Amino acid sequence: MIADPNPMSSFEYRPPRWPQLIVLVATVALTAVFIDVIFLPEKELLPFEFEPVEVGLFEQVMFGTFTLIGVFFTGVTLYRLIRRPVTFRLTDDGFEYAPAGVSTGWVRWADVEELKYTTVATGNGDQNRRKVLGVYLKDPRSFIARRPLALHALFEMRQFQSGTPLVFQSGEFGREHDRIVAMMQERLRRAR
């Protein structure tokens, strides 16, 4: 999946396909149910039977909206399944992280203070915590200000929770997680 024979080279991480395949099956199934229930109640497209129910305009609009959302997510999932976009790019100059297609933008090693593991709360109370890798920046406010306005709240929340706007879940990269973290630490060390 990841080949980095030369530690000076750059590499790209692409997530495995099987999670996208599961999402694709789920979105297709839900979209088929919505289409069958609202638009084709007298047809038997699905393998189970149910009594047709009289629906009003509001229900038709709601199911139509859910159908459009389902079609959209089916298309996005199919695209991601076929193309397998890069979710993490690492070079000697820095890295870019783009989970779910939303990029953090380019983060230069010169802007990184340190990489270290920390924990963040996952729910109510301190007993529900998870381990994350924090990318501690020299100037996190400047980093947040350079990001799209729609992402400011997300980065501010992460900054409040963990002391940094950039965090990676432990296991973010599956079996390659520890290896990628080691490569990040090495590149940060060389950049100093």
N, C-alpha and C. Protein backbone atom coordinates (compact mmCIF):
# COMPACT_ATOMS: atom_id res chain seq x y z
N MET A 1 0.83 -1.20 0.00
CA MET A 1 0.00 0.00 0.00
C MET A 1 0.86 1.25 0.00
N ILE A 2 1.83 1.32 0.93
CA ILE A 2 2.74 2.46 0.97
C ILE A 2 4.13 1.93 0.71
N ALA A 3 4.79 2.54 -0.25
CA ALA A 3 6.16 2.16 -0.52
C ALA A 3 7.02 3.39 -0.32
N ASP A 4 7.96 3.32 0.56
CA ASP A 4 8.88 4.43 0.81
C ASP A 4 10.30 3.88 0.89
N PRO A 5 10.81 3.33 -0.23
CA PRO A 5 12.14 2.73 -0.20
C PRO A 5 13.22 3.76 0.07
N ASN A 6 13.03 4.97 -0.37
CA ASN A 6 13.98 6.04 -0.14
C ASN A 6 13.35 7.02 0.85
N PRO A 7 13.88 7.15 2.06
CA PRO A 7 13.25 8.01 3.04
C PRO A 7 13.22 9.48 2.62
N MET A 8 13.99 9.86 1.62
CA MET A 8 13.98 11.24 1.14
C MET A 8 12.86 11.46 0.11
N SER A 9 12.24 10.39 -0.35
CA SER A 9 11.21 10.54 -1.36
C SER A 9 9.88 10.94 -0.73
N SER A 10 8.96 11.33 -1.56
CA SER A 10 7.62 11.62 -1.07
C SER A 10 6.75 10.39 -1.33
N PHE A 11 5.67 10.30 -0.62
CA PHE A 11 4.74 9.21 -0.88
C PHE A 11 3.33 9.65 -0.58
N GLU A 12 2.40 8.85 -1.04
CA GLU A 12 0.98 9.13 -0.87
C GLU A 12 0.31 7.91 -0.25
N TYR A 13 -0.61 8.17 0.64
CA TYR A 13 -1.40 7.10 1.25
C TYR A 13 -2.81 7.15 0.69
N ARG A 14 -3.28 6.01 0.25
CA ARG A 14 -4.65 5.85 -0.22
C ARG A 14 -5.32 4.80 0.68
N PRO A 15 -6.50 5.11 1.20
CA PRO A 15 -7.16 4.15 2.09
C PRO A 15 -7.60 2.90 1.33
N PRO A 16 -7.81 1.81 2.05
CA PRO A 16 -8.27 0.58 1.38
C PRO A 16 -9.68 0.77 0.81
N ARG A 17 -10.03 -0.09 -0.12
CA ARG A 17 -11.33 0.04 -0.79
C ARG A 17 -12.50 -0.55 -0.01
N TRP A 18 -12.26 -1.54 0.84
CA TRP A 18 -13.38 -2.26 1.44
C TRP A 18 -14.32 -1.38 2.25
N PRO A 19 -13.86 -0.35 3.01
CA PRO A 19 -14.85 0.49 3.71
C PRO A 19 -15.76 1.24 2.74
N GLN A 20 -15.20 1.68 1.62
CA GLN A 20 -16.02 2.38 0.62
C GLN A 20 -17.03 1.43 -0.01
N LEU A 21 -16.65 0.17 -0.17
CA LEU A 21 -17.57 -0.82 -0.72
C LEU A 21 -18.76 -1.03 0.21
N ILE A 22 -18.49 -1.08 1.51
CA ILE A 22 -19.58 -1.22 2.49
C ILE A 22 -20.52 -0.01 2.42
N VAL A 23 -19.95 1.18 2.36
CA VAL A 23 -20.76 2.40 2.28
C VAL A 23 -21.56 2.41 0.98
N LEU A 24 -20.96 1.97 -0.11
CA LEU A 24 -21.66 1.93 -1.39
C LEU A 24 -22.88 1.01 -1.32
N VAL A 25 -22.71 -0.17 -0.77
CA VAL A 25 -23.82 -1.11 -0.65
C VAL A 25 -24.94 -0.49 0.20
N ALA A 26 -24.56 0.15 1.30
CA ALA A 26 -25.57 0.77 2.18
C ALA A 26 -26.31 1.90 1.50
N THR A 27 -25.57 2.78 0.78
CA THR A 27 -26.25 3.91 0.13
C THR A 27 -27.14 3.44 -1.01
N VAL A 28 -26.70 2.45 -1.76
CA VAL A 28 -27.55 1.92 -2.84
C VAL A 28 -28.81 1.29 -2.26
N ALA A 29 -28.66 0.52 -1.18
CA ALA A 29 -29.83 -0.12 -0.57
C ALA A 29 -30.82 0.91 -0.03
N LEU A 30 -30.32 1.90 0.69
CA LEU A 30 -31.23 2.93 1.23
C LEU A 30 -31.89 3.75 0.13
N THR A 31 -31.13 4.07 -0.89
CA THR A 31 -31.71 4.82 -2.01
C THR A 31 -32.78 4.00 -2.71
N ALA A 32 -32.54 2.70 -2.88
CA ALA A 32 -33.55 1.83 -3.50
C ALA A 32 -34.82 1.78 -2.65
N VAL A 33 -34.67 1.72 -1.34
CA VAL A 33 -35.84 1.72 -0.46
C VAL A 33 -36.62 3.02 -0.62
N PHE A 34 -35.93 4.16 -0.61
CA PHE A 34 -36.62 5.45 -0.77
C PHE A 34 -37.34 5.53 -2.10
N ILE A 35 -36.69 5.10 -3.17
CA ILE A 35 -37.32 5.14 -4.49
C ILE A 35 -38.53 4.23 -4.52
N ASP A 36 -38.38 3.04 -3.97
CA ASP A 36 -39.48 2.08 -3.97
C ASP A 36 -40.66 2.58 -3.14
N VAL A 37 -40.40 3.11 -1.97
CA VAL A 37 -41.48 3.53 -1.08
C VAL A 37 -42.24 4.72 -1.63
N ILE A 38 -41.55 5.72 -2.12
CA ILE A 38 -42.24 6.96 -2.48
C ILE A 38 -42.65 7.03 -3.94
N PHE A 39 -41.82 6.53 -4.83
CA PHE A 39 -42.10 6.73 -6.25
C PHE A 39 -42.74 5.52 -6.93
N LEU A 40 -42.53 4.34 -6.39
CA LEU A 40 -43.06 3.14 -7.03
C LEU A 40 -43.78 2.24 -6.02
N PRO A 41 -44.75 2.78 -5.27
CA PRO A 41 -45.37 1.96 -4.22
C PRO A 41 -46.15 0.76 -4.76
N GLU A 42 -46.62 0.84 -6.00
CA GLU A 42 -47.39 -0.29 -6.53
C GLU A 42 -46.51 -1.35 -7.18
N LYS A 43 -45.24 -1.05 -7.41
CA LYS A 43 -44.31 -2.01 -8.00
C LYS A 43 -43.66 -2.83 -6.90
N GLU A 44 -43.11 -3.97 -7.26
CA GLU A 44 -42.43 -4.80 -6.30
C GLU A 44 -40.96 -4.91 -6.67
N LEU A 45 -40.20 -3.86 -6.35
CA LEU A 45 -38.77 -3.86 -6.65
C LEU A 45 -37.95 -4.54 -5.55
N LEU A 46 -38.43 -4.41 -4.33
CA LEU A 46 -37.68 -4.98 -3.21
C LEU A 46 -38.18 -6.39 -2.91
N PRO A 47 -37.34 -7.22 -2.30
CA PRO A 47 -37.70 -8.62 -2.06
C PRO A 47 -38.71 -8.82 -0.94
N PHE A 48 -39.14 -7.77 -0.26
CA PHE A 48 -40.12 -7.91 0.81
C PHE A 48 -41.35 -7.09 0.45
N GLU A 49 -42.47 -7.44 1.05
CA GLU A 49 -43.73 -6.75 0.76
C GLU A 49 -44.13 -5.90 1.95
N PHE A 50 -44.81 -4.82 1.65
CA PHE A 50 -45.38 -3.98 2.70
C PHE A 50 -46.65 -3.34 2.14
N GLU A 51 -47.49 -2.93 3.03
CA GLU A 51 -48.74 -2.30 2.63
C GLU A 51 -48.46 -0.88 2.16
N PRO A 52 -48.94 -0.51 0.96
CA PRO A 52 -48.77 0.87 0.53
C PRO A 52 -49.50 1.82 1.48
N VAL A 53 -48.88 2.92 1.78
CA VAL A 53 -49.44 3.91 2.68
C VAL A 53 -49.66 5.18 1.89
N GLU A 54 -50.75 5.83 2.14
CA GLU A 54 -51.04 7.11 1.49
C GLU A 54 -50.11 8.17 2.07
N VAL A 55 -49.36 8.82 1.22
CA VAL A 55 -48.44 9.85 1.69
C VAL A 55 -48.83 11.19 1.10
N GLY A 56 -48.61 12.21 1.90
CA GLY A 56 -48.92 13.56 1.45
C GLY A 56 -47.75 14.22 0.76
N LEU A 57 -47.95 15.46 0.39
CA LEU A 57 -46.92 16.21 -0.32
C LEU A 57 -45.67 16.39 0.54
N PHE A 58 -45.84 16.68 1.82
CA PHE A 58 -44.69 16.85 2.71
C PHE A 58 -43.82 15.60 2.73
N GLU A 59 -44.46 14.45 2.89
CA GLU A 59 -43.72 13.19 2.93
C GLU A 59 -43.02 12.92 1.60
N GLN A 60 -43.69 13.25 0.49
CA GLN A 60 -43.07 13.06 -0.82
C GLN A 60 -41.83 13.94 -0.97
N VAL A 61 -41.94 15.19 -0.51
CA VAL A 61 -40.78 16.09 -0.59
C VAL A 61 -39.64 15.58 0.29
N MET A 62 -39.97 15.12 1.50
CA MET A 62 -38.93 14.60 2.40
C MET A 62 -38.25 13.36 1.81
N PHE A 63 -39.05 12.40 1.34
CA PHE A 63 -38.46 11.19 0.75
C PHE A 63 -37.69 11.53 -0.53
N GLY A 64 -38.21 12.49 -1.30
CA GLY A 64 -37.50 12.93 -2.50
C GLY A 64 -36.15 13.54 -2.15
N THR A 65 -36.12 14.33 -1.08
CA THR A 65 -34.86 14.92 -0.63
C THR A 65 -33.89 13.84 -0.18
N PHE A 66 -34.38 12.88 0.61
CA PHE A 66 -33.52 11.79 1.04
C PHE A 66 -33.03 10.96 -0.14
N THR A 67 -33.87 10.80 -1.15
CA THR A 67 -33.47 10.07 -2.34
C THR A 67 -32.34 10.80 -3.06
N LEU A 68 -32.48 12.13 -3.21
CA LEU A 68 -31.42 12.91 -3.86
C LEU A 68 -30.12 12.84 -3.06
N ILE A 69 -30.22 12.93 -1.74
CA ILE A 69 -29.03 12.82 -0.90
C ILE A 69 -28.40 11.43 -1.08
N GLY A 70 -29.23 10.39 -1.12
CA GLY A 70 -28.73 9.03 -1.32
C GLY A 70 -28.05 8.87 -2.66
N VAL A 71 -28.64 9.44 -3.71
CA VAL A 71 -28.02 9.36 -5.04
C VAL A 71 -26.68 10.10 -5.03
N PHE A 72 -26.64 11.27 -4.38
CA PHE A 72 -25.39 12.03 -4.29
C PHE A 72 -24.31 11.22 -3.59
N PHE A 73 -24.63 10.67 -2.40
CA PHE A 73 -23.64 9.89 -1.65
C PHE A 73 -23.25 8.61 -2.38
N THR A 74 -24.18 8.03 -3.11
CA THR A 74 -23.83 6.86 -3.92
C THR A 74 -22.80 7.24 -4.98
N GLY A 75 -23.03 8.38 -5.63
CA GLY A 75 -22.08 8.85 -6.64
C GLY A 75 -20.71 9.16 -6.06
N VAL A 76 -20.70 9.86 -4.93
CA VAL A 76 -19.42 10.20 -4.28
C VAL A 76 -18.69 8.94 -3.86
N THR A 77 -19.41 8.01 -3.27
CA THR A 77 -18.79 6.76 -2.81
C THR A 77 -18.27 5.95 -3.98
N LEU A 78 -19.03 5.89 -5.05
CA LEU A 78 -18.58 5.17 -6.24
C LEU A 78 -17.32 5.82 -6.81
N TYR A 79 -17.30 7.14 -6.86
CA TYR A 79 -16.12 7.87 -7.34
C TYR A 79 -14.90 7.55 -6.47
N ARG A 80 -15.08 7.60 -5.14
CA ARG A 80 -13.97 7.32 -4.24
C ARG A 80 -13.53 5.86 -4.32
N LEU A 81 -14.46 4.97 -4.59
CA LEU A 81 -14.13 3.55 -4.72
C LEU A 81 -13.29 3.31 -5.96
N ILE A 82 -13.63 3.97 -7.05
CA ILE A 82 -12.91 3.79 -8.31
C ILE A 82 -11.58 4.54 -8.31
N ARG A 83 -11.61 5.80 -7.90
CA ARG A 83 -10.40 6.63 -7.97
C ARG A 83 -9.44 6.45 -6.79
N ARG A 84 -9.94 6.06 -5.63
CA ARG A 84 -9.14 5.97 -4.40
C ARG A 84 -8.26 7.20 -4.22
N PRO A 85 -8.87 8.33 -3.91
CA PRO A 85 -8.09 9.57 -3.79
C PRO A 85 -7.07 9.49 -2.64
N VAL A 86 -6.02 10.28 -2.78
CA VAL A 86 -4.98 10.36 -1.78
C VAL A 86 -5.54 11.06 -0.54
N THR A 87 -5.35 10.46 0.64
CA THR A 87 -5.81 11.10 1.86
C THR A 87 -4.66 11.68 2.68
N PHE A 88 -3.42 11.30 2.33
CA PHE A 88 -2.27 11.82 3.04
C PHE A 88 -1.08 11.85 2.10
N ARG A 89 -0.41 12.98 2.03
CA ARG A 89 0.77 13.15 1.18
C ARG A 89 1.89 13.69 2.06
N LEU A 90 3.05 13.07 1.99
CA LEU A 90 4.18 13.42 2.85
C LEU A 90 5.43 13.63 2.00
N THR A 91 6.10 14.75 2.23
CA THR A 91 7.36 15.04 1.55
C THR A 91 8.35 15.58 2.57
N ASP A 92 9.56 15.91 2.12
CA ASP A 92 10.55 16.52 3.00
C ASP A 92 10.18 17.95 3.36
N ASP A 93 9.29 18.58 2.59
CA ASP A 93 8.87 19.96 2.87
C ASP A 93 7.70 20.04 3.83
N GLY A 94 6.87 18.99 3.88
CA GLY A 94 5.70 19.04 4.74
C GLY A 94 4.73 17.93 4.40
N PHE A 95 3.46 18.15 4.74
CA PHE A 95 2.44 17.14 4.45
C PHE A 95 1.09 17.80 4.21
N GLU A 96 0.21 17.03 3.59
CA GLU A 96 -1.18 17.43 3.39
C GLU A 96 -2.05 16.25 3.80
N TYR A 97 -3.08 16.55 4.56
CA TYR A 97 -3.99 15.53 5.06
C TYR A 97 -5.38 15.88 4.55
N ALA A 98 -6.02 14.92 3.88
CA ALA A 98 -7.33 15.20 3.27
C ALA A 98 -8.32 14.06 3.54
N PRO A 99 -8.73 13.88 4.79
CA PRO A 99 -9.73 12.84 5.05
C PRO A 99 -11.07 13.25 4.46
N ALA A 100 -11.77 12.31 3.89
CA ALA A 100 -13.09 12.56 3.30
C ALA A 100 -13.05 13.66 2.25
N GLY A 101 -11.90 13.88 1.64
CA GLY A 101 -11.80 14.85 0.57
C GLY A 101 -11.65 16.29 1.02
N VAL A 102 -11.58 16.55 2.32
CA VAL A 102 -11.43 17.92 2.83
C VAL A 102 -9.98 18.07 3.30
N SER A 103 -9.24 18.92 2.64
CA SER A 103 -7.82 19.06 2.90
C SER A 103 -7.52 20.04 4.03
N THR A 104 -6.46 19.73 4.78
CA THR A 104 -5.97 20.67 5.78
C THR A 104 -5.14 21.76 5.13
N GLY A 105 -4.82 21.58 3.86
CA GLY A 105 -3.89 22.47 3.19
C GLY A 105 -2.47 21.97 3.47
N TRP A 106 -1.51 22.57 2.84
CA TRP A 106 -0.13 22.14 2.99
C TRP A 106 0.41 22.62 4.33
N VAL A 107 0.97 21.71 5.11
CA VAL A 107 1.56 22.03 6.40
C VAL A 107 3.07 21.83 6.26
N ARG A 108 3.81 22.92 6.38
CA ARG A 108 5.27 22.85 6.23
C ARG A 108 5.91 22.40 7.53
N TRP A 109 6.97 21.61 7.43
CA TRP A 109 7.68 21.17 8.62
C TRP A 109 8.22 22.35 9.40
N ALA A 110 8.56 23.43 8.71
CA ALA A 110 9.07 24.63 9.38
C ALA A 110 8.02 25.23 10.32
N ASP A 111 6.75 24.94 10.10
CA ASP A 111 5.68 25.48 10.94
C ASP A 111 5.30 24.54 12.08
N VAL A 112 5.91 23.35 12.13
CA VAL A 112 5.56 22.35 13.14
C VAL A 112 6.54 22.43 14.30
N GLU A 113 5.99 22.54 15.50
CA GLU A 113 6.81 22.56 16.73
C GLU A 113 7.18 21.14 17.15
N GLU A 114 6.17 20.24 17.22
CA GLU A 114 6.44 18.86 17.61
C GLU A 114 5.26 17.97 17.25
N LEU A 115 5.55 16.67 17.25
CA LEU A 115 4.53 15.64 17.09
C LEU A 115 4.51 14.84 18.38
N LYS A 116 3.33 14.71 18.98
CA LYS A 116 3.27 13.88 20.18
C LYS A 116 1.85 13.37 20.38
N TYR A 117 1.77 12.23 21.05
CA TYR A 117 0.48 11.63 21.34
C TYR A 117 -0.14 12.31 22.55
N THR A 118 -1.45 12.46 22.47
CA THR A 118 -2.24 13.01 23.56
C THR A 118 -3.59 12.31 23.56
N THR A 119 -4.45 12.67 24.47
CA THR A 119 -5.79 12.10 24.49
C THR A 119 -6.81 13.23 24.40
N VAL A 120 -7.94 12.91 23.80
CA VAL A 120 -9.04 13.88 23.72
C VAL A 120 -10.31 13.19 24.20
N ALA A 121 -11.22 14.00 24.73
CA ALA A 121 -12.50 13.47 25.21
C ALA A 121 -13.35 13.06 24.01
N THR A 122 -14.05 11.94 24.15
CA THR A 122 -14.92 11.46 23.08
C THR A 122 -16.39 11.58 23.43
N GLY A 123 -16.69 11.94 24.64
CA GLY A 123 -18.08 12.06 25.06
C GLY A 123 -18.16 12.84 26.34
N ASN A 124 -19.17 12.58 27.12
CA ASN A 124 -19.33 13.27 28.40
C ASN A 124 -18.36 12.70 29.42
N GLY A 125 -17.64 13.58 30.07
CA GLY A 125 -16.74 13.15 31.12
C GLY A 125 -15.35 12.83 30.62
N ASP A 126 -14.44 12.73 31.57
CA ASP A 126 -13.04 12.45 31.23
C ASP A 126 -12.74 10.98 31.08
N GLN A 127 -13.65 10.10 31.47
CA GLN A 127 -13.37 8.67 31.38
C GLN A 127 -13.43 8.17 29.94
N ASN A 128 -14.09 8.87 29.04
CA ASN A 128 -14.17 8.48 27.63
C ASN A 128 -13.16 9.29 26.83
N ARG A 129 -11.96 8.78 26.73
CA ARG A 129 -10.90 9.49 26.03
C ARG A 129 -10.29 8.57 24.98
N ARG A 130 -9.75 9.17 23.92
CA ARG A 130 -9.07 8.37 22.90
C ARG A 130 -7.71 8.99 22.61
N LYS A 131 -6.81 8.14 22.18
CA LYS A 131 -5.45 8.55 21.88
C LYS A 131 -5.39 9.12 20.46
N VAL A 132 -4.74 10.28 20.32
CA VAL A 132 -4.55 10.90 19.01
C VAL A 132 -3.11 11.40 18.91
N LEU A 133 -2.64 11.52 17.68
CA LEU A 133 -1.34 12.12 17.43
C LEU A 133 -1.58 13.60 17.16
N GLY A 134 -1.02 14.45 17.98
CA GLY A 134 -1.16 15.89 17.77
C GLY A 134 0.01 16.45 16.99
N VAL A 135 -0.30 17.27 16.00
CA VAL A 135 0.74 18.00 15.25
C VAL A 135 0.72 19.41 15.83
N TYR A 136 1.63 19.68 16.75
CA TYR A 136 1.66 20.96 17.45
C TYR A 136 2.40 21.98 16.59
N LEU A 137 1.70 23.06 16.29
CA LEU A 137 2.22 24.08 15.39
C LEU A 137 2.83 25.24 16.16
N LYS A 138 3.76 25.92 15.54
CA LYS A 138 4.37 27.09 16.17
C LYS A 138 3.37 28.23 16.30
N ASP A 139 2.49 28.38 15.30
CA ASP A 139 1.49 29.44 15.33
C ASP A 139 0.13 28.88 14.88
N PRO A 140 -0.59 28.21 15.78
CA PRO A 140 -1.86 27.59 15.38
C PRO A 140 -2.92 28.61 14.94
N ARG A 141 -2.91 29.80 15.51
CA ARG A 141 -3.90 30.83 15.12
C ARG A 141 -3.71 31.22 13.65
N SER A 142 -2.47 31.36 13.23
CA SER A 142 -2.19 31.70 11.83
C SER A 142 -2.62 30.55 10.91
N PHE A 143 -2.37 29.32 11.35
CA PHE A 143 -2.78 28.15 10.56
C PHE A 143 -4.30 28.16 10.37
N ILE A 144 -5.05 28.36 11.44
CA ILE A 144 -6.52 28.36 11.37
C ILE A 144 -7.00 29.50 10.48
N ALA A 145 -6.39 30.67 10.61
CA ALA A 145 -6.81 31.83 9.81
C ALA A 145 -6.63 31.61 8.32
N ARG A 146 -5.67 30.79 7.92
CA ARG A 146 -5.42 30.53 6.49
C ARG A 146 -6.34 29.47 5.91
N ARG A 147 -7.13 28.83 6.72
CA ARG A 147 -8.04 27.78 6.26
C ARG A 147 -9.39 28.37 5.86
N PRO A 148 -10.17 27.62 5.06
CA PRO A 148 -11.50 28.12 4.69
C PRO A 148 -12.34 28.40 5.93
N LEU A 149 -13.14 29.44 5.86
CA LEU A 149 -13.96 29.87 6.98
C LEU A 149 -14.84 28.75 7.52
N ALA A 150 -15.33 27.89 6.64
CA ALA A 150 -16.21 26.80 7.07
C ALA A 150 -15.50 25.81 7.99
N LEU A 151 -14.17 25.75 7.94
CA LEU A 151 -13.42 24.81 8.77
C LEU A 151 -12.89 25.42 10.07
N HIS A 152 -13.07 26.73 10.24
CA HIS A 152 -12.53 27.39 11.44
C HIS A 152 -13.07 26.78 12.72
N ALA A 153 -14.37 26.53 12.79
CA ALA A 153 -14.97 25.98 14.02
C ALA A 153 -14.38 24.60 14.34
N LEU A 154 -14.18 23.77 13.32
CA LEU A 154 -13.60 22.45 13.53
C LEU A 154 -12.19 22.56 14.11
N PHE A 155 -11.36 23.41 13.50
CA PHE A 155 -10.00 23.56 13.97
C PHE A 155 -9.94 24.21 15.35
N GLU A 156 -10.83 25.16 15.63
CA GLU A 156 -10.89 25.78 16.95
C GLU A 156 -11.27 24.74 18.02
N MET A 157 -12.24 23.86 17.69
CA MET A 157 -12.64 22.83 18.63
C MET A 157 -11.48 21.88 18.91
N ARG A 158 -10.77 21.47 17.87
CA ARG A 158 -9.61 20.60 18.07
C ARG A 158 -8.54 21.29 18.89
N GLN A 159 -8.32 22.58 18.63
CA GLN A 159 -7.34 23.35 19.38
C GLN A 159 -7.72 23.36 20.86
N PHE A 160 -9.00 23.53 21.17
CA PHE A 160 -9.47 23.55 22.55
C PHE A 160 -9.32 22.18 23.21
N GLN A 161 -9.67 21.12 22.47
CA GLN A 161 -9.64 19.76 23.02
C GLN A 161 -8.23 19.24 23.27
N SER A 162 -7.33 19.48 22.31
CA SER A 162 -6.03 18.82 22.37
C SER A 162 -4.83 19.76 22.36
N GLY A 163 -5.07 21.06 22.22
CA GLY A 163 -3.96 22.00 22.18
C GLY A 163 -3.39 22.21 20.80
N THR A 164 -3.98 21.56 19.79
CA THR A 164 -3.53 21.73 18.41
C THR A 164 -4.71 21.53 17.47
N PRO A 165 -4.73 22.27 16.36
CA PRO A 165 -5.84 22.08 15.41
C PRO A 165 -5.71 20.83 14.54
N LEU A 166 -4.52 20.21 14.53
CA LEU A 166 -4.29 19.03 13.69
C LEU A 166 -4.07 17.79 14.53
N VAL A 167 -4.97 16.83 14.39
CA VAL A 167 -4.81 15.55 15.10
C VAL A 167 -5.09 14.40 14.14
N PHE A 168 -4.42 13.29 14.39
CA PHE A 168 -4.64 12.06 13.65
C PHE A 168 -5.11 11.02 14.66
N GLN A 169 -6.18 10.31 14.35
CA GLN A 169 -6.65 9.24 15.22
C GLN A 169 -5.58 8.16 15.26
N SER A 170 -5.44 7.51 16.42
CA SER A 170 -4.52 6.38 16.46
C SER A 170 -5.12 5.30 15.56
N GLY A 171 -4.33 4.78 14.68
CA GLY A 171 -4.84 3.81 13.72
C GLY A 171 -5.44 4.45 12.48
N GLU A 172 -5.23 5.73 12.29
CA GLU A 172 -5.79 6.47 11.14
C GLU A 172 -5.42 5.81 9.81
N PHE A 173 -4.23 5.28 9.75
CA PHE A 173 -3.74 4.70 8.50
C PHE A 173 -3.65 3.18 8.57
N GLY A 174 -4.49 2.59 9.39
CA GLY A 174 -4.55 1.14 9.47
C GLY A 174 -3.23 0.55 9.95
N ARG A 175 -2.81 -0.51 9.30
CA ARG A 175 -1.57 -1.18 9.67
C ARG A 175 -0.33 -0.35 9.42
N GLU A 176 -0.45 0.69 8.61
CA GLU A 176 0.70 1.54 8.27
C GLU A 176 0.84 2.73 9.22
N HIS A 177 -0.04 2.85 10.20
CA HIS A 177 -0.06 4.04 11.06
C HIS A 177 1.28 4.30 11.74
N ASP A 178 1.82 3.30 12.42
CA ASP A 178 3.08 3.49 13.15
C ASP A 178 4.22 3.85 12.20
N ARG A 179 4.24 3.25 11.06
CA ARG A 179 5.29 3.52 10.07
C ARG A 179 5.21 4.96 9.57
N ILE A 180 3.99 5.42 9.29
CA ILE A 180 3.82 6.79 8.80
C ILE A 180 4.20 7.79 9.88
N VAL A 181 3.82 7.52 11.11
CA VAL A 181 4.18 8.42 12.21
C VAL A 181 5.70 8.48 12.35
N ALA A 182 6.37 7.34 12.24
CA ALA A 182 7.84 7.33 12.32
C ALA A 182 8.44 8.15 11.18
N MET A 183 7.90 8.04 9.98
CA MET A 183 8.41 8.83 8.85
C MET A 183 8.17 10.32 9.07
N MET A 184 7.00 10.66 9.65
CA MET A 184 6.72 12.07 9.95
C MET A 184 7.72 12.60 10.97
N GLN A 185 7.98 11.83 12.02
CA GLN A 185 8.92 12.26 13.04
C GLN A 185 10.32 12.43 12.47
N GLU A 186 10.73 11.52 11.59
CA GLU A 186 12.05 11.62 10.97
C GLU A 186 12.15 12.87 10.09
N ARG A 187 11.13 13.14 9.31
CA ARG A 187 11.16 14.31 8.44
C ARG A 187 11.15 15.60 9.27
N LEU A 188 10.40 15.62 10.36
CA LEU A 188 10.41 16.79 11.24
C LEU A 188 11.80 16.98 11.85
N ARG A 189 12.41 15.91 12.30
CA ARG A 189 13.76 15.98 12.87
C ARG A 189 14.77 16.54 11.86
N ARG A 190 14.69 16.07 10.60
CA ARG A 190 15.60 16.55 9.55
C ARG A 190 15.34 18.00 9.19
N ALA A 191 14.10 18.46 9.33
CA ALA A 191 13.76 19.83 8.93
C ALA A 191 14.25 20.86 9.95
N ARG A 192 14.59 20.43 11.14
CA ARG A 192 15.03 21.38 12.18
C ARG A 192 16.44 21.82 12.00
